[in-house]
Protein backbone atom coordinates (compact mmCIF):
# COMPACT_ATOMS: atom_id res chain seq x y z
CA MET A 1 -14.57 -82.31 -203.64
CA ARG A 2 -12.37 -79.66 -205.19
CA GLY A 3 -15.17 -77.14 -204.59
CA LEU A 4 -15.33 -78.03 -200.94
CA GLN A 5 -11.58 -77.76 -200.62
CA ASP A 6 -11.66 -74.33 -202.21
CA LEU A 7 -14.40 -73.32 -199.71
CA ASP A 8 -12.24 -74.51 -196.77
CA GLN A 9 -9.36 -72.43 -198.02
CA ARG A 10 -11.54 -69.27 -198.27
CA ILE A 11 -13.07 -69.50 -194.81
CA PRO A 12 -10.90 -68.61 -191.76
CA ALA A 13 -10.05 -71.50 -189.47
CA TRP A 14 -12.10 -70.01 -186.62
CA ALA A 15 -15.26 -69.67 -188.68
CA GLU A 16 -17.99 -72.28 -188.39
CA THR A 17 -20.54 -72.44 -191.17
CA LYS A 18 -23.99 -73.87 -191.67
CA PRO A 19 -26.17 -73.92 -194.80
CA LEU A 20 -29.22 -71.69 -194.91
CA ALA A 21 -32.43 -72.28 -196.83
CA GLN A 22 -31.17 -70.61 -199.98
CA GLY A 23 -27.89 -72.49 -200.04
CA GLU A 24 -26.00 -69.52 -198.53
CA PHE A 25 -23.78 -69.52 -195.40
CA ALA A 26 -23.85 -67.76 -192.06
CA THR A 27 -20.94 -67.83 -189.68
CA ARG A 28 -20.85 -67.97 -185.94
CA GLY A 29 -17.98 -67.71 -183.49
CA GLY A 30 -17.46 -63.98 -183.52
CA GLY A 31 -15.89 -63.63 -187.00
CA PRO A 32 -17.06 -61.88 -190.13
CA SER A 33 -19.16 -63.68 -192.72
CA PRO A 34 -17.59 -64.77 -196.03
CA HIS A 35 -17.73 -62.08 -198.67
CA TYR A 36 -20.15 -63.99 -200.76
CA THR A 37 -22.78 -64.47 -197.99
CA GLY A 38 -26.11 -63.42 -199.41
CA HIS A 39 -24.64 -62.86 -202.88
CA ARG A 40 -26.78 -65.47 -204.60
CA GLN A 41 -29.97 -64.01 -203.22
CA ARG A 42 -28.91 -60.52 -204.23
CA LEU A 43 -28.22 -61.76 -207.77
CA ARG A 44 -31.65 -63.43 -207.91
CA THR A 45 -33.36 -60.29 -206.64
CA ARG A 46 -31.56 -58.11 -209.22
CA PHE A 47 -32.46 -60.44 -212.02
CA LEU A 48 -36.14 -60.66 -211.05
CA SER A 49 -36.50 -56.95 -210.48
CA GLY A 50 -34.43 -55.50 -213.33
CA GLY A 51 -34.16 -58.31 -215.96
CA HIS A 52 -31.03 -59.68 -217.56
CA ALA A 53 -30.11 -56.66 -219.76
CA PRO A 54 -28.10 -54.69 -217.16
CA MET A 55 -26.27 -57.78 -215.81
CA PRO A 56 -22.88 -58.77 -217.20
CA GLU A 57 -22.51 -62.23 -218.71
CA TYR A 58 -20.55 -63.66 -215.75
CA GLU A 59 -23.42 -62.82 -213.35
CA LEU A 60 -25.97 -64.56 -215.59
CA LEU A 61 -23.66 -67.56 -215.67
CA GLU A 62 -23.33 -67.39 -211.88
CA LEU A 63 -27.12 -67.69 -211.56
CA LEU A 64 -27.10 -70.84 -213.67
CA LEU A 65 -24.10 -72.34 -211.81
CA CYS A 66 -26.01 -71.81 -208.55
CA ASN A 67 -28.45 -74.49 -209.73
CA ALA A 68 -25.61 -76.98 -210.07
CA ILE A 69 -23.18 -76.13 -207.32
CA GLU A 70 -24.18 -75.39 -203.74
CA ARG A 71 -22.45 -73.56 -200.90
CA ILE A 72 -19.45 -72.02 -202.62
CA ASP A 73 -18.74 -68.82 -204.46
CA VAL A 74 -19.22 -69.58 -208.13
CA LYS A 75 -18.13 -66.24 -209.50
CA PRO A 76 -14.49 -67.39 -210.12
CA LEU A 77 -15.75 -70.44 -212.01
CA ALA A 78 -18.20 -68.28 -214.12
CA LYS A 79 -15.35 -65.94 -215.07
CA LYS A 80 -13.03 -68.86 -215.82
CA LEU A 81 -15.61 -70.51 -218.12
CA LEU A 82 -16.07 -67.26 -220.03
CA GLU A 83 -12.36 -66.77 -220.32
CA THR A 84 -11.98 -70.35 -221.63
CA PHE A 85 -14.88 -70.35 -224.13
CA GLY A 86 -15.06 -66.72 -225.13
CA ASP A 87 -18.65 -65.81 -224.24
CA LEU A 88 -21.98 -67.29 -223.10
CA ASN A 89 -22.62 -68.87 -226.49
CA GLY A 90 -19.29 -70.68 -226.35
CA VAL A 91 -19.90 -71.88 -222.75
CA VAL A 92 -23.36 -73.19 -223.50
CA ALA A 93 -22.18 -75.00 -226.66
CA ALA A 94 -19.01 -76.47 -225.18
CA SER A 95 -18.66 -80.25 -225.18
CA GLU A 96 -18.78 -82.21 -221.95
CA HIS A 97 -15.13 -83.21 -222.38
CA ARG A 98 -13.89 -79.64 -222.66
CA LEU A 99 -16.20 -78.33 -219.86
CA LEU A 100 -14.91 -80.94 -217.41
CA GLN A 101 -11.39 -79.90 -218.11
CA VAL A 102 -12.16 -76.58 -216.34
CA ARG A 103 -11.45 -77.05 -212.63
CA GLY A 104 -14.63 -76.84 -210.58
CA THR A 105 -16.98 -77.86 -213.38
CA THR A 106 -19.13 -80.91 -212.76
CA ARG A 107 -21.59 -83.07 -214.67
CA LYS A 108 -24.38 -81.07 -213.01
CA VAL A 109 -22.97 -77.93 -214.60
CA PHE A 110 -22.87 -79.70 -217.98
CA PHE A 111 -26.51 -80.78 -217.51
CA GLN A 112 -27.65 -77.20 -216.71
CA LEU A 113 -25.87 -75.90 -219.78
CA ARG A 114 -27.38 -78.53 -222.03
CA LEU A 115 -30.83 -77.66 -220.65
CA VAL A 116 -30.33 -73.97 -221.47
CA GLU A 117 -29.17 -74.91 -224.98
CA ALA A 118 -32.24 -77.08 -225.51
CA PHE A 119 -34.59 -74.26 -224.47
CA ALA A 120 -32.89 -71.78 -226.78
CA GLN A 121 -32.96 -74.13 -229.74
CA ARG A 122 -36.60 -75.05 -229.23
CA MET A 123 -37.67 -71.44 -228.96
CA ALA A 124 -35.75 -70.51 -232.10
CA GLN A 125 -37.03 -73.57 -233.96
CA ALA A 126 -40.66 -72.72 -233.10
CA ARG A 127 -40.35 -69.55 -235.12
CA VAL A 128 -39.47 -71.56 -238.19
CA LEU A 129 -41.43 -74.80 -238.23
CA GLN A 130 -44.75 -74.81 -240.00
CA ARG A 131 -44.05 -71.45 -241.54
CA CYS A 132 -43.16 -70.37 -245.05
CA VAL A 133 -39.44 -70.19 -244.76
CA LEU A 134 -39.02 -67.52 -247.43
CA SER A 135 -41.09 -65.09 -245.37
CA CYS A 136 -39.22 -65.68 -242.13
CA TRP A 137 -35.64 -65.94 -243.44
CA ASP A 138 -34.12 -63.92 -240.62
CA ASP A 139 -35.73 -66.27 -238.06
CA LEU A 140 -34.25 -69.22 -239.97
CA ILE A 141 -30.75 -67.69 -239.77
CA ASP A 142 -31.20 -66.92 -236.07
CA TYR A 143 -32.22 -70.56 -235.45
CA CYS A 144 -29.24 -71.84 -237.45
CA ARG A 145 -26.91 -69.59 -235.49
CA THR A 146 -28.31 -70.70 -232.19
CA SER A 147 -28.03 -74.38 -233.08
CA MET A 148 -24.74 -74.48 -234.91
CA ALA A 149 -22.57 -71.42 -234.74
CA HIS A 150 -20.53 -72.39 -231.72
CA ARG A 151 -20.18 -76.18 -232.22
CA ASP A 152 -16.64 -77.51 -232.33
CA THR A 153 -17.37 -80.05 -235.09
CA GLU A 154 -19.26 -79.78 -238.37
CA GLN A 155 -22.96 -80.57 -238.50
CA PHE A 156 -25.09 -80.91 -241.60
CA ARG A 157 -28.86 -80.18 -241.35
CA ILE A 158 -31.63 -80.17 -243.92
CA LEU A 159 -34.91 -78.27 -243.79
CA PHE A 160 -37.55 -80.08 -245.85
CA LEU A 161 -40.27 -77.90 -247.38
CA ASP A 162 -43.66 -78.59 -248.87
CA ASN A 163 -44.87 -77.03 -252.21
CA LYS A 164 -45.77 -73.81 -250.34
CA ASN A 165 -42.19 -73.63 -248.87
CA VAL A 166 -43.48 -74.35 -245.39
CA VAL A 167 -41.01 -76.23 -243.26
CA ILE A 168 -42.34 -79.72 -242.62
CA ALA A 169 -39.17 -81.18 -241.01
CA ASP A 170 -35.83 -80.03 -239.66
CA GLU A 171 -33.33 -82.83 -239.39
CA GLU A 172 -29.68 -83.38 -238.62
CA GLN A 173 -28.29 -85.64 -241.37
CA ALA A 174 -24.67 -86.03 -240.30
CA ARG A 175 -21.98 -84.98 -237.85
CA GLY A 176 -18.32 -84.84 -238.75
CA THR A 177 -14.92 -83.58 -237.63
CA ILE A 178 -13.58 -80.12 -237.12
CA ASN A 179 -13.41 -79.53 -240.90
CA HIS A 180 -15.40 -82.26 -242.65
CA VAL A 181 -18.87 -83.78 -242.51
CA PRO A 182 -19.82 -86.75 -244.74
CA VAL A 183 -23.05 -86.22 -246.73
CA TYR A 184 -24.48 -88.70 -249.21
CA PRO A 185 -26.83 -87.40 -251.93
CA ARG A 186 -28.65 -90.79 -252.10
CA GLU A 187 -29.59 -90.51 -248.41
CA VAL A 188 -30.73 -86.91 -248.93
CA VAL A 189 -32.99 -87.93 -251.81
CA LYS A 190 -34.28 -90.96 -249.96
CA ARG A 191 -35.42 -88.84 -247.02
CA ALA A 192 -36.96 -86.15 -249.27
CA LEU A 193 -39.06 -88.88 -250.91
CA GLU A 194 -40.13 -90.26 -247.53
CA LEU A 195 -41.33 -86.82 -246.44
CA ASN A 196 -42.76 -85.90 -249.85
CA ALA A 197 -40.75 -82.73 -249.79
CA ALA A 198 -40.95 -80.35 -252.67
CA ALA A 199 -37.82 -78.35 -251.75
CA LEU A 200 -34.84 -78.35 -249.46
CA ILE A 201 -32.61 -75.89 -247.67
CA LEU A 202 -29.17 -77.26 -246.76
CA VAL A 203 -27.32 -75.90 -243.72
CA HIS A 204 -23.94 -76.69 -242.17
CA ASN A 205 -21.48 -74.96 -239.95
CA HIS A 206 -17.77 -74.14 -240.11
CA PRO A 207 -16.16 -74.50 -236.63
CA SER A 208 -13.24 -72.39 -237.88
CA GLY A 209 -15.64 -69.47 -237.87
CA ASP A 210 -15.13 -68.62 -241.57
CA PRO A 211 -18.37 -69.31 -243.51
CA SER A 212 -16.70 -69.18 -246.95
CA PRO A 213 -17.64 -72.26 -249.04
CA SER A 214 -14.82 -74.70 -249.70
CA ASN A 215 -14.31 -76.54 -252.96
CA ALA A 216 -15.62 -79.66 -251.20
CA ASP A 217 -18.76 -77.75 -250.09
CA ILE A 218 -19.40 -76.63 -253.65
CA GLU A 219 -18.89 -80.14 -255.12
CA MET A 220 -21.13 -81.75 -252.48
CA THR A 221 -23.86 -79.16 -253.09
CA ASP A 222 -23.71 -79.73 -256.87
CA ASN A 223 -24.12 -83.44 -256.37
CA ILE A 224 -27.13 -83.00 -254.09
CA VAL A 225 -28.75 -80.59 -256.55
CA LEU A 226 -28.28 -83.14 -259.38
CA ALA A 227 -29.70 -85.94 -257.36
CA CYS A 228 -32.73 -83.84 -256.32
CA GLN A 229 -33.43 -82.82 -259.87
CA ALA A 230 -34.06 -86.48 -260.68
CA ILE A 231 -36.99 -86.47 -258.28
CA ASP A 232 -38.21 -82.96 -259.12
CA THR A 233 -37.15 -81.53 -255.73
CA ARG A 234 -35.62 -78.08 -255.63
CA VAL A 235 -32.66 -77.00 -253.48
CA HIS A 236 -33.44 -73.43 -252.48
CA ASP A 237 -30.15 -72.66 -250.82
CA HIS A 238 -27.16 -74.00 -248.96
CA VAL A 239 -26.28 -71.81 -245.94
CA ILE A 240 -22.98 -72.06 -244.13
CA ILE A 241 -22.92 -70.81 -240.59
CA GLY A 242 -19.79 -69.27 -239.12
CA LYS A 243 -19.33 -67.91 -235.60
CA ASN A 244 -20.19 -64.30 -236.50
CA ALA A 245 -21.52 -64.49 -240.06
CA GLU A 246 -23.02 -66.80 -242.61
CA SER A 247 -22.86 -67.28 -246.36
CA SER A 248 -25.58 -68.23 -248.87
CA PHE A 249 -24.87 -70.22 -252.04
CA ARG A 250 -27.76 -68.48 -253.75
CA THR A 251 -26.51 -65.00 -252.80
CA LEU A 252 -23.00 -65.97 -253.92
CA GLY A 253 -24.34 -67.19 -257.29
CA LEU A 254 -23.40 -70.78 -256.61
CA LEU A 255 -26.97 -72.05 -257.00
């Protein structure tokens, strides 16, 4: 309803509008068309003919918003979302609660963003699963960034590997708060036994953006390593994902 009210304010009182096939508007009654008439189709044409590279982030976001919101100019909303969440990554990863606090955003917008996020994660995950993780480490980091870098709460994941270091499972073990996630070594070992895993890679994110390991991170990792030693399962690494960087326990000499 807010969107329709905004539309009424933008269109002169003498202008009468009707929806066209593409969700655009044409006016009749002798007045000029709204400035955004045909804008959606022009965006689609530019995207299909020239690709996404030359387009600014707000225009790509506009194209997505067009799938969720009809009839109004979505450019102001696209720019507001980017201003609120920083960039496209932040918009796509934003929680439903925070998204709906931005005026003009709807549950349909939230759905479209979650769908984009799901495609991105599945595509990144496909480059990791059933492959030797040690030979595709950069792909693993890219997948972890895509899945976790912009979350506003901590998430703890485990990649389970076979004896050839091929990823056999990628599972979220726990979700926490903005600066803590509970992880229980007994549950980690139990799942490793169920999957007959020979090795593990631990991954979690720091919503603060700083990937430096905390004392709690180091203690938790040591406890998991000790528990895994009892079942002859190796912990290859523990990777902490920040917003723009990541840290590796093995690289830091902590494993």
